[in-house]
All heavy atoms as atom14 arrays in JSON, in Angstrom:
{
  "sequence": "VTKQTPGRLGDEQRAWLAKALDARPDKPALVMVHHNPILPDAV",
  "atom14_mask": [
    [1, 1, 1, 1, 1, 1, 1, 0, 0, 0, 0, 0, 0, 0],
    [1, 1, 1, 1, 1, 1, 1, 0, 0, 0, 0, 0, 0, 0],
    [1, 1, 1, 1, 1, 1, 1, 1, 1, 0, 0, 0, 0, 0],
    [1, 1, 1, 1, 1, 1, 1, 1, 1, 0, 0, 0, 0, 0],
    [1, 1, 1, 1, 1, 1, 1, 0, 0, 0, 0, 0, 0, 0],
    [1, 1, 1, 1, 1, 1, 1, 0, 0, 0, 0, 0, 0, 0],
    [1, 1, 1, 1, 0, 0, 0, 0, 0, 0, 0, 0, 0, 0],
    [1, 1, 1, 1, 1, 1, 1, 1, 1, 1, 1, 0, 0, 0],
    [1, 1, 1, 1, 1, 1, 1, 1, 0, 0, 0, 0, 0, 0],
    [1, 1, 1, 1, 0, 0, 0, 0, 0, 0, 0, 0, 0, 0],
    [1, 1, 1, 1, 1, 1, 1, 1, 0, 0, 0, 0, 0, 0],
    [1, 1, 1, 1, 1, 1, 1, 1, 1, 0, 0, 0, 0, 0],
    [1, 1, 1, 1, 1, 1, 1, 1, 1, 0, 0, 0, 0, 0],
    [1, 1, 1, 1, 1, 1, 1, 1, 1, 1, 1, 0, 0, 0],
    [1, 1, 1, 1, 1, 0, 0, 0, 0, 0, 0, 0, 0, 0],
    [1, 1, 1, 1, 1, 1, 1, 1, 1, 1, 1, 1, 1, 1],
    [1, 1, 1, 1, 1, 1, 1, 1, 0, 0, 0, 0, 0, 0],
    [1, 1, 1, 1, 1, 0, 0, 0, 0, 0, 0, 0, 0, 0],
    [1, 1, 1, 1, 1, 1, 1, 1, 1, 0, 0, 0, 0, 0],
    [1, 1, 1, 1, 1, 0, 0, 0, 0, 0, 0, 0, 0, 0],
    [1, 1, 1, 1, 1, 1, 1, 1, 0, 0, 0, 0, 0, 0],
    [1, 1, 1, 1, 1, 1, 1, 1, 0, 0, 0, 0, 0, 0],
    [1, 1, 1, 1, 1, 0, 0, 0, 0, 0, 0, 0, 0, 0],
    [1, 1, 1, 1, 1, 1, 1, 1, 1, 1, 1, 0, 0, 0],
    [1, 1, 1, 1, 1, 1, 1, 0, 0, 0, 0, 0, 0, 0],
    [1, 1, 1, 1, 1, 1, 1, 1, 0, 0, 0, 0, 0, 0],
    [1, 1, 1, 1, 1, 1, 1, 1, 1, 0, 0, 0, 0, 0],
    [1, 1, 1, 1, 1, 1, 1, 0, 0, 0, 0, 0, 0, 0],
    [1, 1, 1, 1, 1, 0, 0, 0, 0, 0, 0, 0, 0, 0],
    [1, 1, 1, 1, 1, 1, 1, 1, 0, 0, 0, 0, 0, 0],
    [1, 1, 1, 1, 1, 1, 1, 0, 0, 0, 0, 0, 0, 0],
    [1, 1, 1, 1, 1, 1, 1, 1, 0, 0, 0, 0, 0, 0],
    [1, 1, 1, 1, 1, 1, 1, 0, 0, 0, 0, 0, 0, 0],
    [1, 1, 1, 1, 1, 1, 1, 1, 1, 1, 0, 0, 0, 0],
    [1, 1, 1, 1, 1, 1, 1, 1, 1, 1, 0, 0, 0, 0],
    [1, 1, 1, 1, 1, 1, 1, 1, 0, 0, 0, 0, 0, 0],
    [1, 1, 1, 1, 1, 1, 1, 0, 0, 0, 0, 0, 0, 0],
    [1, 1, 1, 1, 1, 1, 1, 1, 0, 0, 0, 0, 0, 0],
    [1, 1, 1, 1, 1, 1, 1, 1, 0, 0, 0, 0, 0, 0],
    [1, 1, 1, 1, 1, 1, 1, 0, 0, 0, 0, 0, 0, 0],
    [1, 1, 1, 1, 1, 1, 1, 1, 0, 0, 0, 0, 0, 0],
    [1, 1, 1, 1, 1, 0, 0, 0, 0, 0, 0, 0, 0, 0],
    [1, 1, 1, 1, 1, 1, 1, 0, 0, 0, 0, 0, 0, 0]
  ],
  "atom14_positions": [
    [[8.57, -11.81, 2.37], [9.28, -12.91, 2.78], [10.05, -12.33, 4.06], [10.7, -11.43, 4.05], [10.34, -13.29, 1.81], [11.21, -14.47, 2.27], [9.65, -13.63, 0.34], [0.0, 0.0, 0.0], [0.0, 0.0, 0.0], [0.0, 0.0, 0.0], [0.0, 0.0, 0.0], [0.0, 0.0, 0.0], [0.0, 0.0, 0.0], [0.0, 0.0, 0.0]],
    [[9.83, -13.12, 5.21], [10.51, -12.76, 6.4], [12.01, -12.71, 6.31], [12.56, -13.69, 5.69], [10.1, -13.83, 7.48], [8.74, -13.72, 7.64], [10.76, -13.48, 8.77], [0.0, 0.0, 0.0], [0.0, 0.0, 0.0], [0.0, 0.0, 0.0], [0.0, 0.0, 0.0], [0.0, 0.0, 0.0], [0.0, 0.0, 0.0], [0.0, 0.0, 0.0]],
    [[12.58, -11.68, 6.75], [14.1, -11.47, 6.76], [14.67, -11.14, 5.35], [15.79, -10.95, 5.26], [14.92, -12.7, 7.35], [14.82, -12.85, 8.81], [15.99, -13.62, 9.41], [17.21, -12.79, 9.31], [18.42, -13.36, 9.97], [0.0, 0.0, 0.0], [0.0, 0.0, 0.0], [0.0, 0.0, 0.0], [0.0, 0.0, 0.0], [0.0, 0.0, 0.0]],
    [[13.78, -10.88, 4.45], [14.14, -10.23, 3.19], [13.76, -8.82, 3.14], [12.65, -8.5, 3.5], [13.68, -10.96, 1.95], [14.35, -12.31, 1.66], [13.97, -12.9, 0.33], [13.5, -12.2, -0.48], [14.18, -14.21, 0.22], [0.0, 0.0, 0.0], [0.0, 0.0, 0.0], [0.0, 0.0, 0.0], [0.0, 0.0, 0.0], [0.0, 0.0, 0.0]],
    [[14.69, -7.82, 2.98], [14.37, -6.44, 3.27], [13.26, -5.89, 2.41], [12.37, -5.2, 3.06], [15.72, -5.67, 3.04], [16.68, -6.18, 3.82], [15.48, -4.17, 3.37], [0.0, 0.0, 0.0], [0.0, 0.0, 0.0], [0.0, 0.0, 0.0], [0.0, 0.0, 0.0], [0.0, 0.0, 0.0], [0.0, 0.0, 0.0], [0.0, 0.0, 0.0]],
    [[13.08, -5.97, 1.19], [12.05, -5.22, 0.46], [10.76, -5.92, 0.8], [10.48, -7.11, 1.26], [12.32, -5.5, -1.05], [13.85, -5.93, -1.05], [13.94, -6.66, 0.16], [0.0, 0.0, 0.0], [0.0, 0.0, 0.0], [0.0, 0.0, 0.0], [0.0, 0.0, 0.0], [0.0, 0.0, 0.0], [0.0, 0.0, 0.0], [0.0, 0.0, 0.0]],
    [[9.61, -5.26, 0.6], [8.21, -5.75, 0.66], [7.45, -5.52, -0.53], [7.73, -4.78, -1.5], [0.0, 0.0, 0.0], [0.0, 0.0, 0.0], [0.0, 0.0, 0.0], [0.0, 0.0, 0.0], [0.0, 0.0, 0.0], [0.0, 0.0, 0.0], [0.0, 0.0, 0.0], [0.0, 0.0, 0.0], [0.0, 0.0, 0.0], [0.0, 0.0, 0.0]],
    [[6.25, -6.1, -0.49], [5.25, -5.96, -1.65], [3.91, -6.22, -1.11], [3.54, -7.07, -0.34], [5.61, -6.97, -2.68], [4.92, -6.84, -4.04], [5.15, -7.97, -5.08], [6.51, -8.35, -5.12], [7.41, -7.77, -6.03], [6.8, -6.89, -7.0], [8.63, -8.18, -6.25], [0.0, 0.0, 0.0], [0.0, 0.0, 0.0], [0.0, 0.0, 0.0]],
    [[2.99, -5.37, -1.78], [1.51, -5.54, -1.41], [0.96, -6.68, -2.16], [0.11, -7.63, -1.77], [0.76, -4.28, -1.65], [1.18, -3.11, -0.74], [0.44, -1.79, -1.22], [0.89, -3.29, 0.67], [0.0, 0.0, 0.0], [0.0, 0.0, 0.0], [0.0, 0.0, 0.0], [0.0, 0.0, 0.0], [0.0, 0.0, 0.0], [0.0, 0.0, 0.0]],
    [[1.17, -6.63, -3.5], [0.51, -7.72, -4.36], [-0.8, -7.26, -4.95], [-1.36, -6.41, -4.49], [0.0, 0.0, 0.0], [0.0, 0.0, 0.0], [0.0, 0.0, 0.0], [0.0, 0.0, 0.0], [0.0, 0.0, 0.0], [0.0, 0.0, 0.0], [0.0, 0.0, 0.0], [0.0, 0.0, 0.0], [0.0, 0.0, 0.0], [0.0, 0.0, 0.0]],
    [[-1.09, -7.94, -6.1], [-2.35, -7.59, -6.83], [-3.59, -7.67, -6.05], [-4.45, -6.67, -6.11], [-2.48, -8.36, -8.06], [-1.32, -8.14, -9.13], [-0.7, -7.21, -9.02], [-1.18, -9.06, -10.03], [0.0, 0.0, 0.0], [0.0, 0.0, 0.0], [0.0, 0.0, 0.0], [0.0, 0.0, 0.0], [0.0, 0.0, 0.0], [0.0, 0.0, 0.0]],
    [[-3.82, -8.71, -5.24], [-4.98, -8.91, -4.49], [-5.17, -7.92, -3.55], [-6.37, -7.26, -3.29], [-5.04, -10.37, -3.93], [-6.33, -10.66, -3.2], [-6.4, -12.1, -2.72], [-5.45, -12.83, -2.8], [-7.47, -12.36, -2.16], [0.0, 0.0, 0.0], [0.0, 0.0, 0.0], [0.0, 0.0, 0.0], [0.0, 0.0, 0.0], [0.0, 0.0, 0.0]],
    [[-4.1, -7.54, -2.69], [-4.26, -6.6, -1.72], [-4.57, -5.2, -2.24], [-5.37, -4.51, -1.64], [-3.02, -6.54, -0.79], [-3.14, -5.62, 0.42], [-1.91, -5.7, 1.36], [-1.96, -5.03, 2.32], [-1.01, -6.47, 1.01], [0.0, 0.0, 0.0], [0.0, 0.0, 0.0], [0.0, 0.0, 0.0], [0.0, 0.0, 0.0], [0.0, 0.0, 0.0]],
    [[-3.88, -4.81, -3.3], [-4.17, -3.57, -3.96], [-5.58, -3.42, -4.48], [-6.17, -2.35, -4.34], [-3.08, -3.2, -5.05], [-1.65, -3.1, -4.63], [-0.83, -2.48, -5.64], [-0.87, -3.13, -6.89], [-0.18, -4.09, -7.34], [0.63, -4.73, -6.58], [-0.44, -4.63, -8.52], [0.0, 0.0, 0.0], [0.0, 0.0, 0.0], [0.0, 0.0, 0.0]],
    [[-6.02, -4.48, -4.99], [-7.53, -4.48, -5.46], [-8.45, -4.34, -4.2], [-9.44, -3.61, -4.45], [-7.77, -5.8, -6.22], [0.0, 0.0, 0.0], [0.0, 0.0, 0.0], [0.0, 0.0, 0.0], [0.0, 0.0, 0.0], [0.0, 0.0, 0.0], [0.0, 0.0, 0.0], [0.0, 0.0, 0.0], [0.0, 0.0, 0.0], [0.0, 0.0, 0.0]],
    [[-8.09, -5.02, -3.16], [-8.94, -4.8, -2.05], [-8.88, -3.33, -1.55], [-9.9, -2.85, -1.08], [-8.52, -5.82, -0.88], [-9.15, -5.38, 0.49], [-10.31, -5.74, 0.94], [-8.6, -4.58, 1.46], [-10.49, -5.22, 2.25], [-9.41, -4.53, 2.54], [-7.2, -4.0, 1.59], [-9.18, -3.84, 3.75], [-6.92, -3.23, 2.83], [-7.87, -3.21, 3.86]],
    [[-7.79, -2.71, -1.42], [-7.52, -1.42, -1.01], [-8.45, -0.39, -1.91], [-9.08, 0.41, -1.29], [-6.0, -1.04, -1.03], [-5.73, 0.45, -0.67], [-6.15, 0.8, 0.76], [-4.27, 0.71, -0.92], [0.0, 0.0, 0.0], [0.0, 0.0, 0.0], [0.0, 0.0, 0.0], [0.0, 0.0, 0.0], [0.0, 0.0, 0.0], [0.0, 0.0, 0.0]],
    [[-8.26, -0.61, -3.19], [-9.07, 0.24, -4.06], [-10.58, 0.15, -3.8], [-11.29, 1.29, -3.67], [-8.78, -0.1, -5.53], [0.0, 0.0, 0.0], [0.0, 0.0, 0.0], [0.0, 0.0, 0.0], [0.0, 0.0, 0.0], [0.0, 0.0, 0.0], [0.0, 0.0, 0.0], [0.0, 0.0, 0.0], [0.0, 0.0, 0.0], [0.0, 0.0, 0.0]],
    [[-11.08, -1.06, -3.58], [-12.55, -1.19, -3.27], [-12.82, -0.63, -1.86], [-13.84, -0.05, -1.69], [-12.86, -2.71, -3.3], [-12.84, -3.34, -4.78], [-13.16, -4.74, -4.65], [-14.68, -5.01, -4.11], [-15.08, -6.43, -4.34], [0.0, 0.0, 0.0], [0.0, 0.0, 0.0], [0.0, 0.0, 0.0], [0.0, 0.0, 0.0], [0.0, 0.0, 0.0]],
    [[-11.96, -0.81, -0.96], [-12.11, -0.38, 0.45], [-12.21, 1.17, 0.43], [-13.01, 1.75, 1.12], [-11.15, -0.88, 1.4], [0.0, 0.0, 0.0], [0.0, 0.0, 0.0], [0.0, 0.0, 0.0], [0.0, 0.0, 0.0], [0.0, 0.0, 0.0], [0.0, 0.0, 0.0], [0.0, 0.0, 0.0], [0.0, 0.0, 0.0], [0.0, 0.0, 0.0]],
    [[-11.4, 1.88, -0.34], [-11.36, 3.22, -0.46], [-12.52, 3.73, -1.23], [-13.18, 4.78, -0.73], [-10.0, 3.67, -1.15], [-8.71, 3.66, -0.38], [-7.53, 3.87, -1.37], [-8.62, 4.68, 0.7], [0.0, 0.0, 0.0], [0.0, 0.0, 0.0], [0.0, 0.0, 0.0], [0.0, 0.0, 0.0], [0.0, 0.0, 0.0], [0.0, 0.0, 0.0]],
    [[-12.97, 3.13, -2.17], [-14.12, 3.52, -2.96], [-15.41, 3.46, -2.18], [-16.35, 4.2, -2.36], [-14.12, 2.73, -4.23], [-13.16, 3.04, -5.23], [-12.48, 4.22, -5.07], [-12.96, 2.33, -6.13], [0.0, 0.0, 0.0], [0.0, 0.0, 0.0], [0.0, 0.0, 0.0], [0.0, 0.0, 0.0], [0.0, 0.0, 0.0], [0.0, 0.0, 0.0]],
    [[-15.43, 2.52, -1.21], [-16.54, 2.38, -0.28], [-16.68, 3.37, 0.72], [-17.66, 3.47, 1.44], [-16.53, 0.86, 0.24], [0.0, 0.0, 0.0], [0.0, 0.0, 0.0], [0.0, 0.0, 0.0], [0.0, 0.0, 0.0], [0.0, 0.0, 0.0], [0.0, 0.0, 0.0], [0.0, 0.0, 0.0], [0.0, 0.0, 0.0], [0.0, 0.0, 0.0]],
    [[-15.5, 4.19, 0.97], [-15.49, 5.09, 1.97], [-14.97, 6.52, 1.37], [-13.9, 6.97, 1.88], [-14.6, 4.62, 3.16], [-15.18, 3.29, 3.74], [-14.09, 2.68, 4.65], [-14.52, 1.49, 5.36], [-14.58, 0.37, 4.71], [-14.16, 0.12, 3.42], [-14.9, -0.76, 5.34], [0.0, 0.0, 0.0], [0.0, 0.0, 0.0], [0.0, 0.0, 0.0]],
    [[-15.65, 7.12, 0.67], [-15.27, 8.29, -0.1], [-15.44, 9.63, 0.69], [-14.83, 10.61, 0.36], [-16.01, 8.43, -1.42], [-17.29, 7.84, -0.97], [-17.05, 6.78, 0.01], [0.0, 0.0, 0.0], [0.0, 0.0, 0.0], [0.0, 0.0, 0.0], [0.0, 0.0, 0.0], [0.0, 0.0, 0.0], [0.0, 0.0, 0.0], [0.0, 0.0, 0.0]],
    [[-16.21, 9.57, 1.8], [-16.57, 10.81, 2.41], [-15.84, 11.22, 3.7], [-16.16, 12.22, 4.32], [-18.14, 10.75, 2.78], [-19.03, 10.46, 1.53], [-18.6, 11.05, 0.46], [-20.08, 9.85, 1.65], [0.0, 0.0, 0.0], [0.0, 0.0, 0.0], [0.0, 0.0, 0.0], [0.0, 0.0, 0.0], [0.0, 0.0, 0.0], [0.0, 0.0, 0.0]],
    [[-14.76, 10.51, 3.96], [-13.93, 10.91, 5.08], [-12.47, 10.75, 4.75], [-12.1, 9.79, 3.92], [-14.29, 9.89, 6.33], [-13.71, 10.18, 7.61], [-14.09, 9.15, 8.67], [-15.59, 9.25, 8.98], [-15.88, 8.35, 10.16], [0.0, 0.0, 0.0], [0.0, 0.0, 0.0], [0.0, 0.0, 0.0], [0.0, 0.0, 0.0], [0.0, 0.0, 0.0]],
    [[-11.68, 11.62, 5.37], [-10.11, 11.36, 4.93], [-9.69, 9.97, 5.15], [-10.01, 9.33, 6.25], [-9.44, 12.42, 5.95], [-10.57, 13.46, 6.12], [-11.85, 12.67, 6.17], [0.0, 0.0, 0.0], [0.0, 0.0, 0.0], [0.0, 0.0, 0.0], [0.0, 0.0, 0.0], [0.0, 0.0, 0.0], [0.0, 0.0, 0.0], [0.0, 0.0, 0.0]],
    [[-8.81, 9.52, 4.26], [-8.29, 8.14, 4.32], [-6.83, 8.34, 4.65], [-6.03, 9.1, 3.97], [-8.45, 7.45, 3.04], [0.0, 0.0, 0.0], [0.0, 0.0, 0.0], [0.0, 0.0, 0.0], [0.0, 0.0, 0.0], [0.0, 0.0, 0.0], [0.0, 0.0, 0.0], [0.0, 0.0, 0.0], [0.0, 0.0, 0.0], [0.0, 0.0, 0.0]],
    [[-6.33, 7.61, 5.71], [-4.98, 7.65, 6.18], [-4.53, 6.16, 5.86], [-4.91, 5.27, 6.52], [-4.87, 8.1, 7.52], [-5.58, 9.49, 7.91], [-5.32, 9.7, 9.33], [-5.04, 10.55, 7.0], [0.0, 0.0, 0.0], [0.0, 0.0, 0.0], [0.0, 0.0, 0.0], [0.0, 0.0, 0.0], [0.0, 0.0, 0.0], [0.0, 0.0, 0.0]],
    [[-3.48, 6.0, 5.06], [-2.93, 4.78, 4.77], [-1.71, 4.47, 5.53], [-0.75, 5.32, 5.52], [-2.77, 4.61, 3.22], [-2.21, 3.22, 2.8], [-4.03, 4.92, 2.43], [0.0, 0.0, 0.0], [0.0, 0.0, 0.0], [0.0, 0.0, 0.0], [0.0, 0.0, 0.0], [0.0, 0.0, 0.0], [0.0, 0.0, 0.0], [0.0, 0.0, 0.0]],
    [[-1.56, 3.16, 5.99], [-0.32, 2.83, 6.73], [0.11, 1.48, 6.18], [-0.48, 0.65, 6.14], [-0.64, 2.76, 8.25], [0.52, 2.43, 9.05], [0.34, 2.53, 10.93], [0.37, 4.3, 11.12], [0.0, 0.0, 0.0], [0.0, 0.0, 0.0], [0.0, 0.0, 0.0], [0.0, 0.0, 0.0], [0.0, 0.0, 0.0], [0.0, 0.0, 0.0]],
    [[1.42, 1.4, 6.08], [2.13, 0.23, 5.61], [3.59, 0.31, 6.16], [4.16, 1.38, 6.34], [2.1, 0.22, 3.9], [2.96, 1.33, 3.36], [2.68, -1.08, 3.44], [0.0, 0.0, 0.0], [0.0, 0.0, 0.0], [0.0, 0.0, 0.0], [0.0, 0.0, 0.0], [0.0, 0.0, 0.0], [0.0, 0.0, 0.0], [0.0, 0.0, 0.0]],
    [[4.07, -0.93, 6.36], [5.48, -0.9, 7.0], [6.49, -0.34, 6.08], [7.35, 0.47, 6.5], [5.84, -2.32, 7.39], [7.17, -2.44, 7.93], [7.49, -1.9, 9.19], [8.4, -2.89, 7.42], [8.7, -2.18, 9.45], [9.32, -2.74, 8.36], [0.0, 0.0, 0.0], [0.0, 0.0, 0.0], [0.0, 0.0, 0.0], [0.0, 0.0, 0.0]],
    [[6.6, -0.9, 4.85], [7.74, -0.53, 3.93], [7.63, 0.89, 3.39], [6.51, 1.32, 3.03], [7.85, -1.58, 2.79], [8.46, -2.9, 3.21], [7.63, -3.81, 3.88], [9.67, -3.29, 3.14], [8.47, -4.88, 4.09], [9.64, -4.61, 3.65], [0.0, 0.0, 0.0], [0.0, 0.0, 0.0], [0.0, 0.0, 0.0], [0.0, 0.0, 0.0]],
    [[8.76, 1.58, 3.31], [8.79, 2.91, 2.82], [8.61, 2.85, 1.27], [9.04, 1.91, 0.6], [10.14, 3.65, 3.08], [11.27, 2.86, 2.51], [11.65, 1.76, 3.17], [11.96, 3.27, 1.59], [0.0, 0.0, 0.0], [0.0, 0.0, 0.0], [0.0, 0.0, 0.0], [0.0, 0.0, 0.0], [0.0, 0.0, 0.0], [0.0, 0.0, 0.0]],
    [[7.91, 3.94, 0.67], [7.79, 3.95, -0.76], [9.11, 4.07, -1.51], [10.01, 4.81, -0.95], [6.79, 5.02, -1.01], [7.03, 5.89, 0.27], [7.22, 5.02, 1.35], [0.0, 0.0, 0.0], [0.0, 0.0, 0.0], [0.0, 0.0, 0.0], [0.0, 0.0, 0.0], [0.0, 0.0, 0.0], [0.0, 0.0, 0.0], [0.0, 0.0, 0.0]],
    [[9.27, 3.34, -2.61], [10.48, 3.52, -3.48], [10.03, 4.56, -4.53], [9.3, 4.28, -5.46], [10.82, 2.29, -4.12], [11.19, 1.21, -3.01], [12.03, 2.48, -4.98], [11.46, -0.11, -3.58], [0.0, 0.0, 0.0], [0.0, 0.0, 0.0], [0.0, 0.0, 0.0], [0.0, 0.0, 0.0], [0.0, 0.0, 0.0], [0.0, 0.0, 0.0]],
    [[10.48, 5.88, -4.29], [10.17, 6.76, -5.26], [11.14, 6.84, -6.39], [12.32, 6.27, -6.3], [10.23, 8.23, -4.48], [9.21, 8.26, -3.33], [9.28, 9.65, -2.6], [7.77, 8.01, -3.81], [0.0, 0.0, 0.0], [0.0, 0.0, 0.0], [0.0, 0.0, 0.0], [0.0, 0.0, 0.0], [0.0, 0.0, 0.0], [0.0, 0.0, 0.0]],
    [[10.72, 7.49, -7.56], [11.66, 7.33, -8.78], [13.14, 7.83, -8.56], [13.96, 7.31, -9.2], [10.88, 8.41, -9.84], [9.54, 8.42, -9.36], [9.56, 8.16, -7.82], [0.0, 0.0, 0.0], [0.0, 0.0, 0.0], [0.0, 0.0, 0.0], [0.0, 0.0, 0.0], [0.0, 0.0, 0.0], [0.0, 0.0, 0.0], [0.0, 0.0, 0.0]],
    [[13.33, 8.67, -7.62], [14.78, 9.15, -7.56], [15.51, 8.27, -6.42], [16.69, 8.61, -6.05], [14.81, 10.62, -7.12], [14.06, 11.0, -5.83], [13.44, 10.04, -5.35], [14.27, 11.99, -5.4], [0.0, 0.0, 0.0], [0.0, 0.0, 0.0], [0.0, 0.0, 0.0], [0.0, 0.0, 0.0], [0.0, 0.0, 0.0], [0.0, 0.0, 0.0]],
    [[14.77, 7.19, -5.96], [15.48, 6.41, -4.86], [16.69, 5.69, -5.43], [16.6, 5.15, -6.45], [14.5, 5.5, -4.24], [0.0, 0.0, 0.0], [0.0, 0.0, 0.0], [0.0, 0.0, 0.0], [0.0, 0.0, 0.0], [0.0, 0.0, 0.0], [0.0, 0.0, 0.0], [0.0, 0.0, 0.0], [0.0, 0.0, 0.0], [0.0, 0.0, 0.0]],
    [[17.76, 5.63, -4.59], [18.96, 4.89, -5.01], [18.83, 3.34, -4.53], [19.13, 2.58, -5.34], [20.2, 5.46, -4.28], [21.47, 4.72, -4.58], [20.39, 7.0, -4.88], [0.0, 0.0, 0.0], [0.0, 0.0, 0.0], [0.0, 0.0, 0.0], [0.0, 0.0, 0.0], [0.0, 0.0, 0.0], [0.0, 0.0, 0.0], [0.0, 0.0, 0.0]]
  ]
}
């Protein structure tokens, strides 16, 4: 949502990413996304 701080990929995009990665197993994969990951210790 524009102007709301958090972000989300969603089920469909994550499914696409998994398939796209599986179709390209033989070269390093570098993933880029705007929002920073929220790790377990994040406040």
